[in-house]
Amino acid sequence: MVGGFLVAVAAVGIFATTSGTGKGPTTRYLVAARALAPGTVISNGDLAPSAMDLPSDVARQAFRDPAPLAGTVVLAPLGEGELVQASALGEPNAGAVPSLTIALEPADAYGGNLRAGDRVNVYVTYGNDVQSSTRLVTAGAEIIRADGGDDTIGQAGLVQLTLAVQEDLDRMNLLNATHTGSVAVVRVTGADLGSSGTTYAPEELNRESEAPSNPTSENGG
């Protein structure tokens, strides 16, 4: 009798285990099938379906059908397997200014109070001590999209800015800055825009609590 009882208990355990399988996510959303750089024109081979559960606000920005995305342009870098969201894609336009997306802490992005049409100067700071320096990477970049980042997987709390940057050198410098330094933007809509490339040393920035009006580039700027 004891043996029969143990067999019955084992059978119930197996049933409970097997009956619990197959209850994972069933909704399939599109992810990047490979690493996609900004400027990539999407084709079907660039996307792959992946089953996952998403919060409703994130799901609204995601995609399930690849057909409407064919021919769209990647605005922000997408890693292999990363969820494809609306903020990372744009419509192709042969006459459009090249653009790219950067993700910043709100304090480095005018408190997040930026919107499409605003223009910003983009700065990068290298180092975090008395030897640090701050450089103007590009001036007067137009914001063509601004997202709070709260509904973006992997970017929670960050502000994502898609910037139109005309000059190829400025785009390369900005991409390099996002990987090697600390980037911040200053809203300059309606201001007299300066030229990029000036570098300020900490002692210059701290002198009388403001940068000199006609600085000289003493630090390789």
C-alpha atoms as a PDB file:
ATOM      1  CA  MET A   1       0.000   0.000   0.000  1.00  0.00           C
ATOM      2  CA  VAL A   2       2.845   2.342   0.880  1.00  0.00           C
ATOM      3  CA  GLY A   3       4.462   1.629  -2.473  1.00  0.00           C
ATOM      4  CA  GLY A   4       1.221   2.372  -4.299  1.00  0.00           C
ATOM      5  CA  PHE A   5       0.842   5.629  -2.398  1.00  0.00           C
ATOM      6  CA  LEU A   6       4.343   6.763  -3.337  1.00  0.00           C
ATOM      7  CA  VAL A   7       3.710   5.943  -6.988  1.00  0.00           C
ATOM      8  CA  ALA A   8       0.508   7.989  -6.866  1.00  0.00           C
ATOM      9  CA  VAL A   9       2.326  10.936  -5.271  1.00  0.00           C
ATOM     10  CA  ALA A  10       5.040  10.747  -7.943  1.00  0.00           C
ATOM     11  CA  ALA A  11       2.423  10.705 -10.691  1.00  0.00           C
ATOM     12  CA  VAL A  12       0.721  13.791  -9.256  1.00  0.00           C
ATOM     13  CA  GLY A  13       4.102  15.565  -9.077  1.00  0.00           C
ATOM     14  CA  ILE A  14       4.902  14.763 -12.699  1.00  0.00           C
ATOM     15  CA  PHE A  15       1.464  15.965 -13.790  1.00  0.00           C
ATOM     16  CA  ALA A  16       1.867  19.222 -11.870  1.00  0.00           C
ATOM     17  CA  THR A  17       5.294  19.781 -13.418  1.00  0.00           C
ATOM     18  CA  THR A  18       4.270  19.065 -16.990  1.00  0.00           C
ATOM     19  CA  SER A  19       0.984  20.933 -16.732  1.00  0.00           C
ATOM     20  CA  GLY A  20       2.915  24.054 -15.693  1.00  0.00           C
ATOM     21  CA  THR A  21       4.992  24.088 -18.855  1.00  0.00           C
ATOM     22  CA  GLY A  22       4.049  26.022 -21.965  1.00  0.00           C
ATOM     23  CA  LYS A  23       2.667  28.934 -19.959  1.00  0.00           C
ATOM     24  CA  GLY A  24       5.374  31.385 -20.984  1.00  0.00           C
ATOM     25  CA  PRO A  25       4.820  34.503 -23.128  1.00  0.00           C
ATOM     26  CA  THR A  26       2.906  33.895 -26.324  1.00  0.00           C
ATOM     27  CA  THR A  27       2.883  37.367 -27.879  1.00  0.00           C
ATOM     28  CA  ARG A  28       5.787  37.810 -30.275  1.00  0.00           C
ATOM     29  CA  TYR A  29       7.382  41.221 -30.768  1.00  0.00           C
ATOM     30  CA  LEU A  30      10.100  42.227 -33.199  1.00  0.00           C
ATOM     31  CA  VAL A  31      13.708  42.456 -32.049  1.00  0.00           C
ATOM     32  CA  ALA A  32      16.898  43.257 -33.940  1.00  0.00           C
ATOM     33  CA  ALA A  33      18.215  40.105 -35.608  1.00  0.00           C
ATOM     34  CA  ARG A  34      21.684  41.657 -35.622  1.00  0.00           C
ATOM     35  CA  ALA A  35      23.347  44.817 -34.360  1.00  0.00           C
ATOM     36  CA  LEU A  36      21.905  47.749 -36.313  1.00  0.00           C
ATOM     37  CA  ALA A  37      23.772  51.048 -36.562  1.00  0.00           C
ATOM     38  CA  PRO A  38      22.053  54.442 -36.993  1.00  0.00           C
ATOM     39  CA  GLY A  39      21.275  55.036 -40.652  1.00  0.00           C
ATOM     40  CA  THR A  40      20.558  51.381 -41.435  1.00  0.00           C
ATOM     41  CA  VAL A  41      17.592  50.946 -43.786  1.00  0.00           C
ATOM     42  CA  ILE A  42      15.466  48.146 -42.346  1.00  0.00           C
ATOM     43  CA  SER A  43      14.821  44.981 -44.368  1.00  0.00           C
ATOM     44  CA  ASN A  44      13.005  41.836 -43.237  1.00  0.00           C
ATOM     45  CA  GLY A  45      16.295  40.079 -42.545  1.00  0.00           C
ATOM     46  CA  ASP A  46      17.141  42.718 -39.911  1.00  0.00           C
ATOM     47  CA  LEU A  47      14.217  41.750 -37.682  1.00  0.00           C
ATOM     48  CA  ALA A  48      13.211  38.618 -35.796  1.00  0.00           C
ATOM     49  CA  PRO A  49      10.178  37.739 -33.632  1.00  0.00           C
ATOM     50  CA  SER A  50      10.636  37.026 -29.947  1.00  0.00           C
ATOM     51  CA  ALA A  51       7.960  35.983 -27.450  1.00  0.00           C
ATOM     52  CA  MET A  52       7.811  38.240 -24.402  1.00  0.00           C
ATOM     53  CA  ASP A  53       5.472  39.923 -21.957  1.00  0.00           C
ATOM     54  CA  LEU A  54       5.575  43.721 -22.061  1.00  0.00           C
ATOM     55  CA  PRO A  55       3.879  46.417 -20.004  1.00  0.00           C
ATOM     56  CA  SER A  56       1.070  47.991 -21.997  1.00  0.00           C
ATOM     57  CA  ASP A  57       2.844  51.347 -22.381  1.00  0.00           C
ATOM     58  CA  VAL A  58       5.948  49.630 -23.778  1.00  0.00           C
ATOM     59  CA  ALA A  59       3.905  47.318 -26.001  1.00  0.00           C
ATOM     60  CA  ARG A  60       2.298  50.335 -27.652  1.00  0.00           C
ATOM     61  CA  GLN A  61       5.754  51.410 -28.870  1.00  0.00           C
ATOM     62  CA  ALA A  62       6.749  47.931 -30.072  1.00  0.00           C
ATOM     63  CA  PHE A  63       5.967  46.075 -33.307  1.00  0.00           C
ATOM     64  CA  ARG A  64       4.644  42.629 -34.219  1.00  0.00           C
ATOM     65  CA  ASP A  65       4.395  42.861 -38.023  1.00  0.00           C
ATOM     66  CA  PRO A  66       7.666  43.454 -39.921  1.00  0.00           C
ATOM     67  CA  ALA A  67       6.019  44.504 -43.215  1.00  0.00           C
ATOM     68  CA  PRO A  68       5.313  48.176 -42.305  1.00  0.00           C
ATOM     69  CA  LEU A  69       8.888  48.610 -41.058  1.00  0.00           C
ATOM     70  CA  ALA A  70      10.605  47.700 -44.321  1.00  0.00           C
ATOM     71  CA  GLY A  71      12.452  50.748 -45.628  1.00  0.00           C
ATOM     72  CA  THR A  72      12.400  52.686 -42.352  1.00  0.00           C
ATOM     73  CA  VAL A  73      15.675  54.059 -41.013  1.00  0.00           C
ATOM     74  CA  VAL A  74      17.344  53.227 -37.707  1.00  0.00           C
ATOM     75  CA  LEU A  75      17.807  56.404 -35.634  1.00  0.00           C
ATOM     76  CA  ALA A  76      19.406  54.921 -32.507  1.00  0.00           C
ATOM     77  CA  PRO A  77      21.790  51.958 -32.160  1.00  0.00           C
ATOM     78  CA  LEU A  78      20.034  48.611 -31.688  1.00  0.00           C
ATOM     79  CA  GLY A  79      21.906  45.656 -30.248  1.00  0.00           C
ATOM     80  CA  GLU A  80      21.259  42.104 -31.399  1.00  0.00           C
ATOM     81  CA  GLY A  81      18.113  40.846 -29.676  1.00  0.00           C
ATOM     82  CA  GLU A  82      17.057  44.327 -28.538  1.00  0.00           C
ATOM     83  CA  LEU A  83      13.373  45.193 -28.726  1.00  0.00           C
ATOM     84  CA  VAL A  84      12.575  47.455 -31.691  1.00  0.00           C
ATOM     85  CA  GLN A  85      10.569  50.499 -30.587  1.00  0.00           C
ATOM     86  CA  ALA A  86       9.062  53.422 -32.432  1.00  0.00           C
ATOM     87  CA  SER A  87      11.545  55.919 -30.997  1.00  0.00           C
ATOM     88  CA  ALA A  88      14.422  54.048 -32.674  1.00  0.00           C
ATOM     89  CA  LEU A  89      12.998  54.262 -36.212  1.00  0.00           C
ATOM     90  CA  GLY A  90      12.248  57.052 -38.659  1.00  0.00           C
ATOM     91  CA  GLU A  91      10.914  57.513 -42.155  1.00  0.00           C
ATOM     92  CA  PRO A  92      13.467  57.807 -44.975  1.00  0.00           C
ATOM     93  CA  ASN A  93      13.826  61.218 -46.553  1.00  0.00           C
ATOM     94  CA  ALA A  94      16.454  61.822 -49.209  1.00  0.00           C
ATOM     95  CA  GLY A  95      16.575  65.531 -48.384  1.00  0.00           C
ATOM     96  CA  ALA A  96      16.664  65.170 -44.627  1.00  0.00           C
ATOM     97  CA  VAL A  97      19.604  66.155 -42.466  1.00  0.00           C
ATOM     98  CA  PRO A  98      21.332  63.066 -40.998  1.00  0.00           C
ATOM     99  CA  SER A  99      20.293  62.446 -37.425  1.00  0.00           C
ATOM    100  CA  LEU A 100      21.273  60.354 -34.423  1.00  0.00           C
ATOM    101  CA  THR A 101      19.908  59.633 -30.959  1.00  0.00           C
ATOM    102  CA  ILE A 102      21.637  60.093 -27.614  1.00  0.00           C
ATOM    103  CA  ALA A 103      20.388  59.076 -24.155  1.00  0.00           C
ATOM    104  CA  LEU A 104      21.112  61.423 -21.241  1.00  0.00           C
ATOM    105  CA  GLU A 105      20.294  61.822 -17.592  1.00  0.00           C
ATOM    106  CA  PRO A 106      17.558  64.458 -17.162  1.00  0.00           C
ATOM    107  CA  ALA A 107      20.016  66.812 -15.411  1.00  0.00           C
ATOM    108  CA  ASP A 108      22.186  66.743 -18.535  1.00  0.00           C
ATOM    109  CA  ALA A 109      19.217  67.320 -20.854  1.00  0.00           C
ATOM    110  CA  TYR A 110      17.691  70.561 -19.558  1.00  0.00           C
ATOM    111  CA  GLY A 111      15.762  68.622 -16.935  1.00  0.00           C
ATOM    112  CA  GLY A 112      14.011  66.706 -19.710  1.00  0.00           C
ATOM    113  CA  ASN A 113      12.111  69.856 -20.697  1.00  0.00           C
ATOM    114  CA  LEU A 114      13.033  69.670 -24.363  1.00  0.00           C
ATOM    115  CA  ARG A 115      10.831  69.202 -27.397  1.00  0.00           C
ATOM    116  CA  ALA A 116      11.046  68.839 -31.147  1.00  0.00           C
ATOM    117  CA  GLY A 117      12.171  72.093 -32.747  1.00  0.00           C
ATOM    118  CA  ASP A 118      14.408  73.177 -29.873  1.00  0.00           C
ATOM    119  CA  ARG A 119      18.065  73.736 -30.673  1.00  0.00           C
ATOM    120  CA  VAL A 120      20.849  72.703 -28.345  1.00  0.00           C
ATOM    121  CA  ASN A 121      24.581  72.970 -27.984  1.00  0.00           C
ATOM    122  CA  VAL A 122      26.120  69.596 -27.143  1.00  0.00           C
ATOM    123  CA  TYR A 123      29.085  69.467 -24.768  1.00  0.00           C
ATOM    124  CA  VAL A 124      31.298  66.624 -23.628  1.00  0.00           C
ATOM    125  CA  THR A 125      33.371  66.536 -20.443  1.00  0.00           C
ATOM    126  CA  TYR A 126      36.404  64.280 -20.209  1.00  0.00           C
ATOM    127  CA  GLY A 127      37.623  63.333 -16.741  1.00  0.00           C
ATOM    128  CA  ASN A 128      36.108  64.106 -13.348  1.00  0.00           C
ATOM    129  CA  ASP A 129      38.816  65.884 -11.390  1.00  0.00           C
ATOM    130  CA  VAL A 130      40.936  69.046 -11.693  1.00  0.00           C
ATOM    131  CA  GLN A 131      42.372  67.717 -14.937  1.00  0.00           C
ATOM    132  CA  SER A 132      38.952  67.436 -16.595  1.00  0.00           C
ATOM    133  CA  SER A 133      38.000  69.557 -19.584  1.00  0.00           C
ATOM    134  CA  THR A 134      34.760  70.410 -21.361  1.00  0.00           C
ATOM    135  CA  ARG A 135      34.429  70.724 -25.106  1.00  0.00           C
ATOM    136  CA  LEU A 136      31.662  72.030 -27.336  1.00  0.00           C
ATOM    137  CA  VAL A 137      31.014  69.173 -29.752  1.00  0.00           C
ATOM    138  CA  THR A 138      28.360  70.711 -31.973  1.00  0.00           C
ATOM    139  CA  ALA A 139      26.362  73.943 -31.863  1.00  0.00           C
ATOM    140  CA  GLY A 140      22.719  74.533 -32.727  1.00  0.00           C
ATOM    141  CA  ALA A 141      21.710  70.911 -33.298  1.00  0.00           C
ATOM    142  CA  GLU A 142      17.949  70.716 -33.846  1.00  0.00           C
ATOM    143  CA  ILE A 143      15.928  68.256 -31.799  1.00  0.00           C
ATOM    144  CA  ILE A 144      13.634  66.295 -34.094  1.00  0.00           C
ATOM    145  CA  ARG A 145      12.335  63.969 -31.363  1.00  0.00           C
ATOM    146  CA  ALA A 146      12.468  63.991 -27.563  1.00  0.00           C
ATOM    147  CA  ASP A 147      11.370  61.055 -25.401  1.00  0.00           C
ATOM    148  CA  GLY A 148      11.313  60.822 -21.620  1.00  0.00           C
ATOM    149  CA  GLY A 149      12.694  57.286 -21.677  1.00  0.00           C
ATOM    150  CA  ASP A 150      10.462  55.924 -18.895  1.00  0.00           C
ATOM    151  CA  ASP A 151       8.756  53.495 -21.281  1.00  0.00           C
ATOM    152  CA  THR A 152      11.897  52.361 -23.059  1.00  0.00           C
ATOM    153  CA  ILE A 153      13.447  49.057 -22.005  1.00  0.00           C
ATOM    154  CA  GLY A 154      17.029  49.518 -20.832  1.00  0.00           C
ATOM    155  CA  GLN A 155      16.705  53.304 -20.844  1.00  0.00           C
ATOM    156  CA  ALA A 156      14.442  53.862 -17.835  1.00  0.00           C
ATOM    157  CA  GLY A 157      14.805  57.367 -16.449  1.00  0.00           C
ATOM    158  CA  LEU A 158      16.896  58.651 -19.345  1.00  0.00           C
ATOM    159  CA  VAL A 159      15.964  61.339 -21.856  1.00  0.00           C
ATOM    160  CA  GLN A 160      16.419  60.266 -25.472  1.00  0.00           C
ATOM    161  CA  LEU A 161      17.095  63.065 -27.941  1.00  0.00           C
ATOM    162  CA  THR A 162      17.159  62.551 -31.687  1.00  0.00           C
ATOM    163  CA  LEU A 163      19.297  65.358 -33.116  1.00  0.00           C
ATOM    164  CA  ALA A 164      19.694  66.572 -36.669  1.00  0.00           C
ATOM    165  CA  VAL A 165      23.435  67.117 -37.099  1.00  0.00           C
ATOM    166  CA  GLN A 166      24.433  68.478 -40.502  1.00  0.00           C
ATOM    167  CA  GLU A 167      28.202  68.016 -40.515  1.00  0.00           C
ATOM    168  CA  ASP A 168      29.687  64.531 -40.772  1.00  0.00           C
ATOM    169  CA  LEU A 169      32.624  65.497 -38.526  1.00  0.00           C
ATOM    170  CA  ASP A 170      30.226  66.747 -35.828  1.00  0.00           C
ATOM    171  CA  ARG A 171      28.291  63.475 -36.000  1.00  0.00           C
ATOM    172  CA  MET A 172      31.476  61.448 -35.590  1.00  0.00           C
ATOM    173  CA  ASN A 173      32.649  63.640 -32.715  1.00  0.00           C
ATOM    174  CA  LEU A 174      29.268  63.313 -31.003  1.00  0.00           C
ATOM    175  CA  LEU A 175      29.194  59.527 -31.356  1.00  0.00           C
ATOM    176  CA  ASN A 176      32.719  59.366 -29.956  1.00  0.00           C
ATOM    177  CA  ALA A 177      31.759  61.670 -27.075  1.00  0.00           C
ATOM    178  CA  THR A 178      28.834  59.473 -26.030  1.00  0.00           C
ATOM    179  CA  HIS A 179      31.193  56.509 -25.677  1.00  0.00           C
ATOM    180  CA  THR A 180      34.214  58.207 -24.103  1.00  0.00           C
ATOM    181  CA  GLY A 181      32.967  61.170 -22.056  1.00  0.00           C
ATOM    182  CA  SER A 182      30.037  62.672 -20.196  1.00  0.00           C
ATOM    183  CA  VAL A 183      27.638  64.425 -22.578  1.00  0.00           C
ATOM    184  CA  ALA A 184      25.240  67.254 -21.732  1.00  0.00           C
ATOM    185  CA  VAL A 185      23.152  69.664 -23.792  1.00  0.00           C
ATOM    186  CA  VAL A 186      22.325  73.337 -23.309  1.00  0.00           C
ATOM    187  CA  ARG A 187      19.133  74.708 -24.830  1.00  0.00           C
ATOM    188  CA  VAL A 188      19.987  77.657 -27.069  1.00  0.00           C
ATOM    189  CA  THR A 189      16.804  78.209 -29.065  1.00  0.00           C
ATOM    190  CA  GLY A 190      16.906  81.843 -30.192  1.00  0.00           C
ATOM    191  CA  ALA A 191      20.443  82.362 -28.876  1.00  0.00           C
ATOM    192  CA  ASP A 192      23.488  83.504 -30.806  1.00  0.00           C
ATOM    193  CA  LEU A 193      25.194  80.194 -31.544  1.00  0.00           C
ATOM    194  CA  GLY A 194      28.944  79.869 -31.163  1.00  0.00           C
ATOM    195  CA  SER A 195      31.392  77.674 -33.018  1.00  0.00           C
ATOM    196  CA  SER A 196      32.313  74.172 -31.896  1.00  0.00           C
ATOM    197  CA  GLY A 197      35.710  73.003 -30.768  1.00  0.00           C
ATOM    198  CA  THR A 198      36.609  75.327 -27.870  1.00  0.00           C
ATOM    199  CA  THR A 199      37.932  73.580 -24.775  1.00  0.00           C
ATOM    200  CA  TYR A 200      37.785  75.048 -21.275  1.00  0.00           C
ATOM    201  CA  ALA A 201      40.019  73.896 -18.435  1.00  0.00           C
ATOM    202  CA  PRO A 202      38.442  73.712 -14.936  1.00  0.00           C
ATOM    203  CA  GLU A 203      40.189  76.843 -13.703  1.00  0.00           C
ATOM    204  CA  GLU A 204      38.713  78.800 -16.621  1.00  0.00           C
ATOM    205  CA  LEU A 205      35.223  77.450 -16.001  1.00  0.00           C
ATOM    206  CA  ASN A 206      35.401  78.295 -12.292  1.00  0.00           C
ATOM    207  CA  ARG A 207      36.819  81.782 -12.705  1.00  0.00           C
ATOM    208  CA  GLU A 208      34.108  84.230 -11.578  1.00  0.00           C
ATOM    209  CA  SER A 209      31.632  81.329 -11.929  1.00  0.00           C
ATOM    210  CA  GLU A 210      31.474  81.620 -15.706  1.00  0.00           C
ATOM    211  CA  ALA A 211      33.482  80.807 -18.804  1.00  0.00           C
ATOM    212  CA  PRO A 212      35.463  83.680 -20.359  1.00  0.00           C
ATOM    213  CA  SER A 213      33.680  85.560 -23.112  1.00  0.00           C
ATOM    214  CA  ASN A 214      36.582  85.212 -25.559  1.00  0.00           C
ATOM    215  CA  PRO A 215      38.429  82.063 -24.487  1.00  0.00           C
ATOM    216  CA  THR A 216      41.587  80.894 -26.119  1.00  0.00           C
ATOM    217  CA  SER A 217      42.001  77.226 -26.794  1.00  0.00           C
ATOM    218  CA  GLU A 218      44.802  76.342 -24.402  1.00  0.00           C
ATOM    219  CA  ASN A 219      44.034  72.673 -24.044  1.00  0.00           C
ATOM    220  CA  GLY A 220      44.164  71.336 -27.557  1.00  0.00           C
ATOM    221  CA  GLY A 221      40.629  72.503 -28.495  1.00  0.00           C
END
